[in-house]
Amino acid sequence: MVTIDKEAVELFKQKAAPVSIKVVEVKGMTEAAAYAVDVCGQKDFCELIYCGTDTTSAGVSRADKKMFCAPNLTDKEYATVAELCAAKGFDMLRTGMRGHLEGIDVAFTTADGAIAETATTIIECMSEDIRLATMIAEIHVVALKKSQIKKTSYDVEPYLQKLMEKGPAFTAFISGASRTADIERVLTLGVHGPLELHIALMEA
């Protein structure tokens, strides 16, 4: 039987707002996928800056087709998303992110866990495609099960210990959109990663 810590879920939602995470509740993966595709449809095209051009004049161009990637879904989940993207006319990627560093509109991934006290999403990223997807897309949408949310970082220790027993691991801890204040202490979003992080919170 799946156990959901309702207090942890509410805490996650409370902590998400201050770090600019948009949380939406959905019934399951199908609704989560539909939400991610809808987000892609509503956003502007990626702005691309081509190397070797004068960026002060004609260096910025817009793509004529949106790019959607989903690197860590099951075959069944991927098929569902691919059908939705095809209906919208989006290009769809599951692998080969390195060949599309110039502009991915939306990355849709599934989470392996979450920490409520910091609104942190945990994603196992042994695959380079998963790592790149979480870093280079303009918007990142994560499907997260309520049962995966733990209250504190100490509560996820058992999961991390099991992960490390398998050998070297690459695990991403994502708390909101990419942000920095290195330049004159002005907060800027999207410098080192996605401009937006959305959590599709599933009942399962």
Protein backbone atom coordinates (compact mmCIF):
# COMPACT_ATOMS: atom_id res chain seq x y z
CA MET A 1 0.00 0.00 0.00
CA VAL A 2 1.30 3.46 -0.96
CA THR A 3 1.69 5.83 2.00
CA ILE A 4 1.31 9.57 1.56
CA ASP A 5 2.57 11.96 4.23
CA LYS A 6 -0.04 14.70 3.90
CA GLU A 7 1.91 17.09 6.13
CA ALA A 8 4.98 16.66 3.94
CA VAL A 9 2.93 17.33 0.81
CA GLU A 10 1.51 20.55 2.25
CA LEU A 11 4.95 21.65 3.44
CA PHE A 12 6.39 21.03 -0.03
CA LYS A 13 3.70 23.23 -1.59
CA GLN A 14 4.30 25.98 0.98
CA LYS A 15 8.06 26.00 0.42
CA ALA A 16 7.71 25.90 -3.37
CA ALA A 17 6.29 29.40 -3.76
CA PRO A 18 9.27 31.36 -2.34
CA VAL A 19 11.67 29.66 -4.79
CA SER A 20 9.43 30.30 -7.81
CA ILE A 21 8.22 26.72 -8.30
CA LYS A 22 4.78 26.38 -9.84
CA VAL A 23 2.95 23.38 -8.36
CA VAL A 24 -0.13 21.94 -10.06
CA GLU A 25 -2.05 18.91 -8.85
CA VAL A 26 -2.92 16.20 -11.39
CA LYS A 27 -4.46 12.74 -11.12
CA GLY A 28 -1.67 10.80 -12.82
CA MET A 29 0.99 10.62 -15.50
CA THR A 30 -1.40 11.19 -18.42
CA GLU A 31 -2.56 14.51 -16.94
CA ALA A 32 1.03 15.43 -16.02
CA ALA A 33 2.12 14.83 -19.63
CA ALA A 34 -0.78 16.84 -21.00
CA TYR A 35 0.11 19.69 -18.66
CA ALA A 36 3.76 19.68 -19.80
CA VAL A 37 2.76 19.73 -23.47
CA ASP A 38 0.30 22.56 -22.77
CA VAL A 39 3.09 24.57 -21.09
CA CYS A 40 5.18 24.09 -24.24
CA GLY A 41 2.32 25.29 -26.39
CA GLN A 42 1.82 28.46 -24.36
CA LYS A 43 5.46 29.57 -24.16
CA ASP A 44 7.31 31.67 -26.74
CA PHE A 45 9.81 30.00 -29.05
CA CYS A 46 13.36 29.64 -27.75
CA GLU A 47 15.58 32.61 -28.54
CA LEU A 48 18.73 31.35 -30.22
CA ILE A 49 22.05 33.20 -30.36
CA TYR A 50 24.28 31.89 -33.12
CA CYS A 51 28.05 31.82 -32.62
CA GLY A 52 30.02 34.15 -34.88
CA THR A 53 27.21 36.66 -35.38
CA ASP A 54 26.94 40.21 -34.20
CA THR A 55 24.54 39.76 -31.27
CA THR A 56 23.97 43.51 -31.11
CA SER A 57 22.22 43.40 -34.48
CA ALA A 58 21.09 40.14 -36.07
CA GLY A 59 22.44 37.63 -33.59
CA VAL A 60 19.10 36.50 -32.23
CA SER A 61 16.71 34.27 -34.17
CA ARG A 62 13.62 32.28 -33.31
CA ALA A 63 13.10 28.64 -34.20
CA ASP A 64 10.10 27.76 -36.35
CA LYS A 65 9.28 24.60 -34.41
CA LYS A 66 9.21 23.90 -30.69
CA MET A 67 11.38 21.21 -29.12
CA PHE A 68 10.10 18.97 -26.32
CA CYS A 69 12.22 16.33 -24.58
CA ALA A 70 11.39 13.50 -22.19
CA PRO A 71 14.49 11.41 -21.41
CA ASN A 72 13.54 9.28 -18.41
CA LEU A 73 10.03 8.04 -19.13
CA THR A 74 8.98 4.43 -19.58
CA ASP A 75 8.14 3.29 -23.11
CA LYS A 76 4.41 3.59 -22.40
CA GLU A 77 4.76 7.06 -20.87
CA TYR A 78 6.93 8.24 -23.75
CA ALA A 79 4.41 6.99 -26.30
CA THR A 80 1.68 9.03 -24.59
CA VAL A 81 3.77 12.20 -24.62
CA ALA A 82 4.94 11.65 -28.20
CA GLU A 83 1.33 11.40 -29.37
CA LEU A 84 0.44 14.66 -27.61
CA CYS A 85 3.49 16.42 -29.08
CA ALA A 86 2.75 15.15 -32.58
CA ALA A 87 -0.76 16.58 -32.35
CA LYS A 88 0.75 19.99 -31.50
CA GLY A 89 3.46 19.78 -34.14
CA PHE A 90 6.36 19.76 -31.67
CA ASP A 91 9.66 18.01 -32.29
CA MET A 92 10.18 15.26 -29.69
CA LEU A 93 13.41 13.95 -28.20
CA ARG A 94 14.16 11.03 -25.91
CA THR A 95 17.92 10.82 -26.48
CA GLY A 96 20.62 12.86 -28.19
CA MET A 97 20.24 16.04 -26.10
CA ARG A 98 23.87 16.99 -26.83
CA GLY A 99 22.93 17.53 -30.45
CA HIS A 100 20.24 20.07 -29.49
CA LEU A 101 22.01 22.37 -27.04
CA GLU A 102 20.90 25.39 -29.06
CA GLY A 103 17.36 25.32 -27.76
CA ILE A 104 14.95 22.94 -26.01
CA ASP A 105 11.66 24.54 -25.03
CA VAL A 106 10.42 22.08 -22.41
CA ALA A 107 11.96 19.12 -20.61
CA PHE A 108 9.54 16.67 -19.01
CA THR A 109 11.01 14.27 -16.45
CA THR A 110 9.87 12.07 -13.60
CA ALA A 111 11.19 12.48 -10.06
CA ASP A 112 12.77 9.83 -7.86
CA GLY A 113 12.00 11.65 -4.62
CA ALA A 114 11.50 15.04 -2.98
CA ILE A 115 12.33 16.94 0.22
CA ALA A 116 9.49 19.04 1.57
CA GLU A 117 11.44 21.39 3.86
CA THR A 118 13.32 22.88 0.89
CA ALA A 119 10.89 22.05 -1.95
CA THR A 120 13.69 20.01 -3.50
CA THR A 121 13.10 17.48 -6.27
CA ILE A 122 15.47 14.49 -6.52
CA ILE A 123 16.25 13.04 -9.94
CA GLU A 124 18.68 10.18 -10.57
CA CYS A 125 20.81 11.38 -13.50
CA MET A 126 23.21 8.61 -14.47
CA SER A 127 22.21 9.25 -18.09
CA GLU A 128 23.80 12.29 -19.75
CA ASP A 129 20.55 12.93 -21.58
CA ILE A 130 18.71 13.34 -18.28
CA ARG A 131 21.41 15.66 -16.93
CA LEU A 132 21.33 17.83 -20.03
CA ALA A 133 17.54 17.93 -20.18
CA THR A 134 17.32 19.30 -16.63
CA MET A 135 19.90 21.99 -17.41
CA ILE A 136 19.37 23.27 -20.96
CA ALA A 137 15.60 23.41 -21.40
CA GLU A 138 13.96 26.81 -20.91
CA ILE A 139 11.20 25.21 -18.82
CA HIS A 140 11.47 22.01 -16.77
CA VAL A 141 8.30 20.13 -15.81
CA VAL A 142 8.67 17.33 -13.25
CA ALA A 143 6.09 14.64 -12.56
CA LEU A 144 6.24 13.94 -8.81
CA LYS A 145 4.18 11.43 -6.84
CA LYS A 146 2.89 12.63 -3.47
CA SER A 147 4.11 9.37 -1.95
CA GLN A 148 7.70 10.31 -2.92
CA ILE A 149 7.76 13.44 -0.76
CA LYS A 150 9.66 13.22 2.53
CA LYS A 151 9.66 15.94 5.18
CA THR A 152 13.40 16.43 5.69
CA SER A 153 16.73 15.65 4.07
CA TYR A 154 17.34 13.07 6.80
CA ASP A 155 14.25 11.18 5.66
CA VAL A 156 15.72 10.55 2.21
CA GLU A 157 18.93 9.01 3.59
CA PRO A 158 17.73 5.39 3.13
CA TYR A 159 17.04 6.04 -0.56
CA LEU A 160 20.43 7.69 -1.08
CA GLN A 161 22.24 4.90 0.75
CA LYS A 162 20.68 2.28 -1.52
CA LEU A 163 21.61 4.37 -4.53
CA MET A 164 25.24 4.64 -3.45
CA GLU A 165 25.45 0.90 -2.83
CA LYS A 166 25.08 0.41 -6.59
CA GLY A 167 28.32 2.30 -7.17
CA PRO A 168 29.12 5.85 -8.34
CA ALA A 169 25.93 7.86 -8.77
CA PHE A 170 24.93 11.21 -10.24
CA THR A 171 21.87 12.61 -8.48
CA ALA A 172 20.35 16.04 -9.05
CA PHE A 173 18.76 18.01 -6.21
CA ILE A 174 16.66 20.74 -7.82
CA SER A 175 15.12 23.54 -5.77
CA GLY A 176 13.41 25.96 -8.12
CA ALA A 177 14.46 27.63 -11.34
CA SER A 178 18.11 28.41 -12.06
CA ARG A 179 19.13 31.66 -10.38
CA THR A 180 22.17 33.76 -9.62
CA ALA A 181 22.96 37.16 -8.12
CA ASP A 182 26.66 37.18 -9.01
CA ILE A 183 26.33 40.15 -11.35
CA GLU A 184 26.02 43.32 -9.24
CA ARG A 185 23.83 41.37 -6.79
CA VAL A 186 20.90 41.48 -9.20
CA LEU A 187 18.81 38.30 -9.12
CA THR A 188 18.69 36.73 -12.57
CA LEU A 189 16.78 33.60 -13.55
CA GLY A 190 17.82 31.06 -16.15
CA VAL A 191 21.57 31.74 -16.31
CA HIS A 192 22.70 28.24 -15.38
CA GLY A 193 19.55 26.28 -16.20
CA PRO A 194 15.78 26.51 -16.78
CA LEU A 195 13.92 29.78 -16.41
CA GLU A 196 10.98 27.97 -14.81
CA LEU A 197 10.39 24.81 -12.79
CA HIS A 198 6.90 23.29 -12.71
CA ILE A 199 5.91 20.35 -10.49
CA ALA A 200 3.02 18.19 -11.66
CA LEU A 201 2.02 16.69 -8.33
CA MET A 202 0.39 13.29 -8.84
CA GLU A 203 -1.98 11.51 -6.47
CA ALA A 204 -0.22 8.12 -6.76
